Amino acid sequence: MRIREAGVDDVEAITALTNALIPTTTYEWREAPFSVEDRRAWLAAKAAAGMPVLVADDGGDVVGWAGYGDFRDTGRWPGYRFTVEHTVHVREDHRGRGVGRRLMEALLDRALADGKRVMVAAIDASNVDSVLFHERLGFAEVGRLPGVGEKFGHRLDLVLMQRDLTS
């Protein structure tokens, strides 16, 4: 398996990975799946902004992806320009095999190389596995926001975690 930059040919796999849990979990706070066209535009916007999207490629099969973007709106609040918020998705049949760790290690290295100082994770509180995963990567819980989200008619809590990239 290798970690590499995502390309246009990866968009369908990225879309499928992202959409996989939308209908059945609250891990992604949306109810409608992403379209491939939406994800193509998203990838192009990420590239234009210099924000990475990485994929885990297992013999030509994309089994995970990770990327980061602005934390808040750095155009409006430039004081946040050294902080990024990330996302990571691993295909269900590849979880527990180190795919997420390898993606995140590459993403953390990329963020540091890009001059970022802090990476933030915003995680649905019910996603205990993700919270534990981030703890193992050196992220610390820094806050909980009760009831700030909603899906399936239920209010959702958000866990904020962060990692200082410079220490």
C-alpha atoms as a PDB file:
ATOM      1  CA  MET A   1       0.000   0.000   0.000  1.00  0.00           C
ATOM      2  CA  ARG A   2       1.216   3.473  -0.771  1.00  0.00           C
ATOM      3  CA  ILE A   3       0.029   6.918   0.250  1.00  0.00           C
ATOM      4  CA  ARG A   4      -0.133   9.408  -2.596  1.00  0.00           C
ATOM      5  CA  GLU A   5      -1.811  12.609  -3.716  1.00  0.00           C
ATOM      6  CA  ALA A   6      -5.369  12.117  -4.931  1.00  0.00           C
ATOM      7  CA  GLY A   7      -6.085  12.668  -8.598  1.00  0.00           C
ATOM      8  CA  VAL A   8      -9.195  13.048 -10.713  1.00  0.00           C
ATOM      9  CA  ASP A   9      -9.239   9.291 -11.322  1.00  0.00           C
ATOM     10  CA  ASP A  10      -9.687   8.765  -7.550  1.00  0.00           C
ATOM     11  CA  VAL A  11     -12.842  10.864  -7.214  1.00  0.00           C
ATOM     12  CA  GLU A  12     -15.308   7.992  -7.622  1.00  0.00           C
ATOM     13  CA  ALA A  13     -13.572   5.945  -4.907  1.00  0.00           C
ATOM     14  CA  ILE A  14     -13.313   8.971  -2.590  1.00  0.00           C
ATOM     15  CA  THR A  15     -17.017   9.657  -3.111  1.00  0.00           C
ATOM     16  CA  ALA A  16     -17.960   6.056  -2.366  1.00  0.00           C
ATOM     17  CA  LEU A  17     -15.821   5.995   0.796  1.00  0.00           C
ATOM     18  CA  THR A  18     -17.310   9.252   2.039  1.00  0.00           C
ATOM     19  CA  ASN A  19     -20.881   8.205   1.260  1.00  0.00           C
ATOM     20  CA  ALA A  20     -20.606   4.724   2.777  1.00  0.00           C
ATOM     21  CA  LEU A  21     -21.660   5.728   6.286  1.00  0.00           C
ATOM     22  CA  ILE A  22     -24.001   8.637   5.502  1.00  0.00           C
ATOM     23  CA  PRO A  23     -27.235   6.593   5.417  1.00  0.00           C
ATOM     24  CA  THR A  24     -26.589   4.620   8.606  1.00  0.00           C
ATOM     25  CA  THR A  25     -24.431   6.688  10.998  1.00  0.00           C
ATOM     26  CA  THR A  26     -24.080  10.181  12.389  1.00  0.00           C
ATOM     27  CA  TYR A  27     -20.341  10.259  11.684  1.00  0.00           C
ATOM     28  CA  GLU A  28     -20.882  12.540   8.676  1.00  0.00           C
ATOM     29  CA  TRP A  29     -23.413  15.246   9.536  1.00  0.00           C
ATOM     30  CA  ARG A  30     -25.374  15.195   6.305  1.00  0.00           C
ATOM     31  CA  GLU A  31     -28.191  13.036   5.052  1.00  0.00           C
ATOM     32  CA  ALA A  32     -27.781  13.345   1.286  1.00  0.00           C
ATOM     33  CA  PRO A  33     -24.848  11.567  -0.326  1.00  0.00           C
ATOM     34  CA  PHE A  34     -22.216  13.515  -2.226  1.00  0.00           C
ATOM     35  CA  SER A  35     -22.312  13.289  -6.001  1.00  0.00           C
ATOM     36  CA  VAL A  36     -19.208  12.479  -7.996  1.00  0.00           C
ATOM     37  CA  GLU A  37     -19.563  15.873  -9.690  1.00  0.00           C
ATOM     38  CA  ASP A  38     -19.608  17.622  -6.276  1.00  0.00           C
ATOM     39  CA  ARG A  39     -16.475  15.751  -5.240  1.00  0.00           C
ATOM     40  CA  ARG A  40     -14.718  16.621  -8.525  1.00  0.00           C
ATOM     41  CA  ALA A  41     -15.333  20.313  -7.864  1.00  0.00           C
ATOM     42  CA  TRP A  42     -14.250  19.855  -4.236  1.00  0.00           C
ATOM     43  CA  LEU A  43     -10.972  18.196  -5.270  1.00  0.00           C
ATOM     44  CA  ALA A  44     -10.270  20.955  -7.802  1.00  0.00           C
ATOM     45  CA  ALA A  45     -10.936  23.616  -5.145  1.00  0.00           C
ATOM     46  CA  LYS A  46      -8.631  21.820  -2.698  1.00  0.00           C
ATOM     47  CA  ALA A  47      -5.858  21.714  -5.301  1.00  0.00           C
ATOM     48  CA  ALA A  48      -6.339  25.390  -6.174  1.00  0.00           C
ATOM     49  CA  ALA A  49      -6.088  26.318  -2.475  1.00  0.00           C
ATOM     50  CA  GLY A  50      -2.978  24.169  -1.954  1.00  0.00           C
ATOM     51  CA  MET A  51      -4.811  21.885   0.470  1.00  0.00           C
ATOM     52  CA  PRO A  52      -3.833  18.211   0.207  1.00  0.00           C
ATOM     53  CA  VAL A  53      -6.049  15.217  -0.357  1.00  0.00           C
ATOM     54  CA  LEU A  54      -4.170  11.944   0.051  1.00  0.00           C
ATOM     55  CA  VAL A  55      -5.287   8.437  -0.806  1.00  0.00           C
ATOM     56  CA  ALA A  56      -4.225   5.022   0.403  1.00  0.00           C
ATOM     57  CA  ASP A  57      -3.656   3.007  -2.761  1.00  0.00           C
ATOM     58  CA  ASP A  58      -3.603  -0.764  -2.318  1.00  0.00           C
ATOM     59  CA  GLY A  59      -2.571  -2.163  -5.696  1.00  0.00           C
ATOM     60  CA  GLY A  60      -4.607   0.394  -7.618  1.00  0.00           C
ATOM     61  CA  ASP A  61      -7.570   0.170  -5.233  1.00  0.00           C
ATOM     62  CA  VAL A  62      -8.273   3.308  -3.163  1.00  0.00           C
ATOM     63  CA  VAL A  63      -9.012   2.039   0.358  1.00  0.00           C
ATOM     64  CA  GLY A  64      -8.850   5.319   2.265  1.00  0.00           C
ATOM     65  CA  TRP A  65      -8.380   9.038   1.974  1.00  0.00           C
ATOM     66  CA  ALA A  66      -7.505  11.995   4.172  1.00  0.00           C
ATOM     67  CA  GLY A  67      -7.234  15.715   3.668  1.00  0.00           C
ATOM     68  CA  TYR A  68      -7.304  19.007   5.441  1.00  0.00           C
ATOM     69  CA  GLY A  69      -8.650  22.484   4.934  1.00  0.00           C
ATOM     70  CA  ASP A  70      -9.001  25.768   6.740  1.00  0.00           C
ATOM     71  CA  PHE A  71     -10.090  25.767  10.331  1.00  0.00           C
ATOM     72  CA  ARG A  72     -12.757  28.436  10.253  1.00  0.00           C
ATOM     73  CA  ASP A  73     -12.465  31.054   7.516  1.00  0.00           C
ATOM     74  CA  THR A  74      -8.865  32.217   7.254  1.00  0.00           C
ATOM     75  CA  GLY A  75      -9.822  34.806   4.642  1.00  0.00           C
ATOM     76  CA  ARG A  76     -12.017  36.481   7.217  1.00  0.00           C
ATOM     77  CA  TRP A  77      -9.938  35.580  10.283  1.00  0.00           C
ATOM     78  CA  PRO A  78      -6.309  35.236   9.154  1.00  0.00           C
ATOM     79  CA  GLY A  79      -5.194  34.505  12.699  1.00  0.00           C
ATOM     80  CA  TYR A  80      -6.312  30.907  12.081  1.00  0.00           C
ATOM     81  CA  ARG A  81      -4.037  30.455   9.040  1.00  0.00           C
ATOM     82  CA  PHE A  82      -1.660  28.099  10.888  1.00  0.00           C
ATOM     83  CA  THR A  83      -4.473  25.771  11.997  1.00  0.00           C
ATOM     84  CA  VAL A  84      -6.206  23.175   9.817  1.00  0.00           C
ATOM     85  CA  GLU A  85      -9.121  20.803  10.272  1.00  0.00           C
ATOM     86  CA  HIS A  86      -8.840  17.345   8.771  1.00  0.00           C
ATOM     87  CA  THR A  87     -10.957  14.389   7.776  1.00  0.00           C
ATOM     88  CA  VAL A  88     -10.002  10.769   7.274  1.00  0.00           C
ATOM     89  CA  HIS A  89     -12.023   7.877   5.850  1.00  0.00           C
ATOM     90  CA  VAL A  90     -11.024   4.226   5.553  1.00  0.00           C
ATOM     91  CA  ARG A  91     -13.009   1.600   3.701  1.00  0.00           C
ATOM     92  CA  GLU A  92     -14.714  -0.723   6.166  1.00  0.00           C
ATOM     93  CA  ASP A  93     -12.910  -3.858   4.993  1.00  0.00           C
ATOM     94  CA  HIS A  94      -9.535  -2.168   5.594  1.00  0.00           C
ATOM     95  CA  ARG A  95     -10.119  -0.748   9.068  1.00  0.00           C
ATOM     96  CA  GLY A  96      -7.757  -1.966  11.762  1.00  0.00           C
ATOM     97  CA  ARG A  97      -4.957  -2.602   9.259  1.00  0.00           C
ATOM     98  CA  GLY A  98      -2.998   0.631   9.761  1.00  0.00           C
ATOM     99  CA  VAL A  99      -4.464   2.439   6.740  1.00  0.00           C
ATOM    100  CA  GLY A 100      -5.821   5.330   8.788  1.00  0.00           C
ATOM    101  CA  ARG A 101      -2.580   5.674  10.732  1.00  0.00           C
ATOM    102  CA  ARG A 102      -0.493   5.780   7.560  1.00  0.00           C
ATOM    103  CA  LEU A 103      -2.807   8.345   5.991  1.00  0.00           C
ATOM    104  CA  MET A 104      -2.749  10.510   9.100  1.00  0.00           C
ATOM    105  CA  GLU A 105       1.029  10.301   9.544  1.00  0.00           C
ATOM    106  CA  ALA A 106       1.479  11.443   5.942  1.00  0.00           C
ATOM    107  CA  LEU A 107      -1.107  14.191   6.408  1.00  0.00           C
ATOM    108  CA  LEU A 108       0.510  15.399   9.642  1.00  0.00           C
ATOM    109  CA  ASP A 109       3.911  15.501   7.915  1.00  0.00           C
ATOM    110  CA  ARG A 110       2.403  17.423   5.013  1.00  0.00           C
ATOM    111  CA  ALA A 111       0.749  19.944   7.323  1.00  0.00           C
ATOM    112  CA  LEU A 112       4.002  20.591   9.153  1.00  0.00           C
ATOM    113  CA  ALA A 113       5.866  20.967   5.843  1.00  0.00           C
ATOM    114  CA  ASP A 114       3.168  23.437   4.747  1.00  0.00           C
ATOM    115  CA  GLY A 115       3.874  25.580   7.815  1.00  0.00           C
ATOM    116  CA  LYS A 116       0.825  24.542   9.820  1.00  0.00           C
ATOM    117  CA  ARG A 117       1.095  24.408  13.591  1.00  0.00           C
ATOM    118  CA  VAL A 118      -2.135  22.828  14.820  1.00  0.00           C
ATOM    119  CA  MET A 119      -4.467  20.177  13.396  1.00  0.00           C
ATOM    120  CA  VAL A 120      -8.054  19.922  14.620  1.00  0.00           C
ATOM    121  CA  ALA A 121     -10.438  16.968  14.489  1.00  0.00           C
ATOM    122  CA  ALA A 122     -14.185  17.547  14.847  1.00  0.00           C
ATOM    123  CA  ILE A 123     -15.763  14.182  15.664  1.00  0.00           C
ATOM    124  CA  ASP A 124     -19.319  13.071  16.324  1.00  0.00           C
ATOM    125  CA  ALA A 125     -19.343  12.061  19.999  1.00  0.00           C
ATOM    126  CA  SER A 126     -20.909   8.690  19.183  1.00  0.00           C
ATOM    127  CA  ASN A 127     -17.881   7.794  17.056  1.00  0.00           C
ATOM    128  CA  VAL A 128     -15.851   6.445  19.974  1.00  0.00           C
ATOM    129  CA  ASP A 129     -13.503   4.518  17.667  1.00  0.00           C
ATOM    130  CA  SER A 130     -12.488   7.760  15.957  1.00  0.00           C
ATOM    131  CA  VAL A 131     -11.896   9.499  19.287  1.00  0.00           C
ATOM    132  CA  LEU A 132      -9.652   6.613  20.415  1.00  0.00           C
ATOM    133  CA  PHE A 133      -7.883   6.554  17.041  1.00  0.00           C
ATOM    134  CA  HIS A 134      -7.067  10.253  17.352  1.00  0.00           C
ATOM    135  CA  GLU A 135      -5.884   9.823  20.931  1.00  0.00           C
ATOM    136  CA  ARG A 136      -3.436   7.152  19.731  1.00  0.00           C
ATOM    137  CA  LEU A 137      -2.143   9.699  17.200  1.00  0.00           C
ATOM    138  CA  GLY A 138      -1.444  12.260  19.920  1.00  0.00           C
ATOM    139  CA  PHE A 139      -4.624  14.332  19.626  1.00  0.00           C
ATOM    140  CA  ALA A 140      -6.147  15.572  22.869  1.00  0.00           C
ATOM    141  CA  GLU A 141      -9.780  16.357  23.521  1.00  0.00           C
ATOM    142  CA  VAL A 142     -10.098  20.106  24.009  1.00  0.00           C
ATOM    143  CA  GLY A 143     -13.848  20.543  24.039  1.00  0.00           C
ATOM    144  CA  ARG A 144     -17.339  19.151  23.657  1.00  0.00           C
ATOM    145  CA  LEU A 145     -20.191  21.058  22.110  1.00  0.00           C
ATOM    146  CA  PRO A 146     -23.474  19.469  23.216  1.00  0.00           C
ATOM    147  CA  GLY A 147     -26.394  19.437  20.807  1.00  0.00           C
ATOM    148  CA  VAL A 148     -24.774  21.513  18.045  1.00  0.00           C
ATOM    149  CA  GLY A 149     -25.645  19.081  15.245  1.00  0.00           C
ATOM    150  CA  GLU A 150     -28.672  17.131  14.147  1.00  0.00           C
ATOM    151  CA  LYS A 151     -29.283  14.068  12.032  1.00  0.00           C
ATOM    152  CA  PHE A 152     -32.030  11.443  11.942  1.00  0.00           C
ATOM    153  CA  GLY A 153     -34.092  13.711  14.203  1.00  0.00           C
ATOM    154  CA  HIS A 154     -31.542  13.573  17.041  1.00  0.00           C
ATOM    155  CA  ARG A 155     -29.352  16.323  18.406  1.00  0.00           C
ATOM    156  CA  LEU A 156     -25.664  15.485  18.208  1.00  0.00           C
ATOM    157  CA  ASP A 157     -22.625  16.379  20.302  1.00  0.00           C
ATOM    158  CA  LEU A 158     -19.327  17.388  18.732  1.00  0.00           C
ATOM    159  CA  VAL A 159     -15.955  16.426  20.206  1.00  0.00           C
ATOM    160  CA  LEU A 160     -13.093  18.764  19.344  1.00  0.00           C
ATOM    161  CA  MET A 161      -9.608  17.313  19.442  1.00  0.00           C
ATOM    162  CA  GLN A 162      -6.328  18.882  18.453  1.00  0.00           C
ATOM    163  CA  ARG A 163      -2.672  18.141  18.027  1.00  0.00           C
ATOM    164  CA  ASP A 164       0.172  20.609  18.181  1.00  0.00           C
ATOM    165  CA  LEU A 165       2.364  19.819  15.191  1.00  0.00           C
ATOM    166  CA  THR A 166       5.391  21.700  16.477  1.00  0.00           C
ATOM    167  CA  SER A 167       6.009  19.749  19.679  1.00  0.00           C
END
